[in-house]
Structures are given as C-alpha cells and as structure tokens.
Amino acid sequence: MKAEYDFNEAKRGAVIPQKGKTRINIYVDDDILEEFRERAESSGKGYQIMINEALKAYLKQSQQPLDEETLRRVL
C-alpha cells in the first residue's frame, strides 16, 4: 500500500456504471412495498427486480397510459 494517494483527478459516483438501468427515487405506498418484499422473500428474488418485472409486464400487455387505479391493480 502506498503511503499517499493522489485523488486530484478522482470522480465521485459508481465505480462501474450500469448500462440499461437508471437509479430513481419514487414514493410507493407502504402496503405495496410490503407485498413486494414478502413475495420477494418467498421467491428468492429482490423486490426491486419484481417491481421492474411487473412494470415491464404491464407495458407489454397494454399501450394505455398508466393511471393510479391501473398501477395499483398491476402492482
């Protein structure tokens, strides 16, 4: 290990950027999130993966715009 490191040209953020994915922050109802977490735990998948899959499945089956009632039904 070096005694001193030069971080003058260092950049903050992820070391390896992911292609095809973007980090976002969204608000999801507590009951929806809890349901996805329970299902994820029983299936061995991550709950974020399951939410992403649910959204993809909805978009494939329908070209209708998402409204709150439809989104709640899908999730």
Protein backbone atom coordinates (compact mmCIF):
# COMPACT_ATOMS: atom_id res chain seq x y z
CA MET A 1 0.00 0.00 0.00
CA LYS A 2 1.25 3.45 -0.85
CA ALA A 3 1.92 5.95 1.88
CA GLU A 4 -0.02 8.61 -0.04
CA TYR A 5 -2.54 8.60 -2.92
CA ASP A 6 -3.33 11.38 -5.41
CA PHE A 7 -7.09 11.96 -5.78
CA ASN A 8 -6.83 15.21 -7.77
CA GLU A 9 -8.49 13.68 -10.83
CA ALA A 10 -10.82 11.33 -8.99
CA LYS A 11 -14.56 11.35 -9.71
CA ARG A 12 -17.37 10.63 -7.30
CA GLY A 13 -20.01 8.05 -8.08
CA ALA A 14 -20.29 4.44 -9.06
CA VAL A 15 -17.04 2.76 -9.97
CA ILE A 16 -18.70 0.70 -12.70
CA PRO A 17 -21.74 2.38 -14.29
CA GLN A 18 -24.63 0.08 -15.14
CA LYS A 19 -25.87 0.15 -18.71
CA GLY A 20 -29.59 -0.01 -19.31
CA LYS A 21 -30.58 0.95 -15.77
CA THR A 22 -31.12 4.30 -14.11
CA ARG A 23 -31.35 4.94 -10.39
CA ILE A 24 -34.50 6.86 -9.44
CA ASN A 25 -36.33 7.69 -6.25
CA ILE A 26 -40.08 7.08 -6.19
CA TYR A 27 -42.72 7.01 -3.50
CA VAL A 28 -44.65 3.76 -3.27
CA ASP A 29 -47.45 3.05 -0.82
CA ASP A 30 -46.27 1.13 2.22
CA ASP A 31 -48.68 -1.75 1.61
CA ILE A 32 -47.50 -2.17 -1.99
CA LEU A 33 -43.85 -2.19 -0.96
CA GLU A 34 -44.50 -4.64 1.87
CA GLU A 35 -46.31 -7.01 -0.50
CA PHE A 36 -43.40 -6.96 -2.95
CA ARG A 37 -40.91 -7.53 -0.13
CA GLU A 38 -42.90 -10.51 1.17
CA ARG A 39 -43.20 -12.02 -2.31
CA ALA A 40 -39.50 -11.40 -2.95
CA GLU A 41 -38.51 -13.13 0.27
CA SER A 42 -40.58 -16.21 -0.52
CA SER A 43 -39.35 -16.40 -4.14
CA GLY A 44 -35.69 -15.60 -3.53
CA LYS A 45 -35.73 -12.58 -5.88
CA GLY A 46 -35.13 -8.96 -4.98
CA TYR A 47 -38.24 -6.82 -4.55
CA GLN A 48 -36.89 -4.13 -6.89
CA ILE A 49 -36.45 -6.75 -9.61
CA MET A 50 -40.03 -7.88 -9.07
CA ILE A 51 -41.37 -4.32 -9.30
CA ASN A 52 -39.40 -3.81 -12.52
CA GLU A 53 -40.78 -7.07 -13.95
CA ALA A 54 -44.35 -6.09 -13.01
CA LEU A 55 -43.97 -2.76 -14.80
CA LYS A 56 -42.47 -4.43 -17.89
CA ALA A 57 -45.31 -6.98 -17.99
CA TYR A 58 -47.89 -4.24 -17.80
CA LEU A 59 -46.27 -2.21 -20.57
CA LYS A 60 -46.09 -5.27 -22.84
CA GLN A 61 -49.76 -6.13 -22.43
CA SER A 62 -51.17 -2.63 -22.74
CA GLN A 63 -50.39 0.58 -24.51
CA GLN A 64 -52.85 2.52 -22.36
CA PRO A 65 -51.46 5.32 -20.21
CA LEU A 66 -50.89 4.43 -16.58
CA ASP A 67 -53.39 5.89 -14.16
CA GLU A 68 -53.30 5.44 -10.40
CA GLU A 69 -56.04 2.79 -10.29
CA THR A 70 -54.40 0.66 -13.00
CA LEU A 71 -50.96 0.94 -11.45
CA ARG A 72 -52.30 -0.15 -8.06
CA ARG A 73 -54.00 -3.15 -9.68
CA VAL A 74 -50.83 -4.16 -11.51
CA LEU A 75 -48.54 -3.77 -8.54
